[in-house]
Amino acid sequence: MSLACSLALAATVYKWVDENGVVHYSDQPHANAEKVHVAAPQTYKAGQYDTAPAAAPGAPAANSGPAYQGCAVGQPSDGSEFANLDALNILVRTDPQLRPGDQVFILLDGAPVNNGAPTGPLFTLTPVERGSHTLQAVVRDAGGELLCQTPGVRFEVHQASIKNPANPVRPH
């Protein structure tokens, strides 16, 4: 199966424009067609992430591993839109994986969630208000030192309006 997929990706692609100006692509040659170079697809292999609970505050730091090369919000993706959302699942990825003793903190619109307590790399945010939001995560060691900070991820939540007269929840 893998061999067949790689052969399909390596196939020749032809491009031509018909008399109406419409561009066509095909794996079959056509009059006036030119060969198109198709780059190999970009792939990403997700690593394994430690979902063990973070160490208690005041625990000794376990920073014997390599420094974080980066961290990112894996879920939700930037620009996501959600309708009638009750809970939002958040996934924070670190490279390398989160070390024992290090803690993840989530910020929603610049304010800490979970009353400022660590959330871990997997967290469910509920409730989520309608509107545009920015989500960010920071990784700190047990002593509170900032180890990694994700870029902000923007997402939108759309909820049905209770003031809308066409709302099926509240018919006339």
Foldseek 3Di string as FASTA:
>chain_A
DVVVVVVVQVQWKWWDADPVRDIDIDSDDDVPIDTDDDDDDDDDDDDDADQDDADDQPDDWPPPDDAWPAKAWPPPAAAAEEEPDFKGKTAMAIVVHDDHQKFKWKDKQNHTPPNRDGAGRIHIDGDDDFAKIWMKMFIAGSVRHTRYIYDIGIYGYHYDDPPDQVDPVDHD
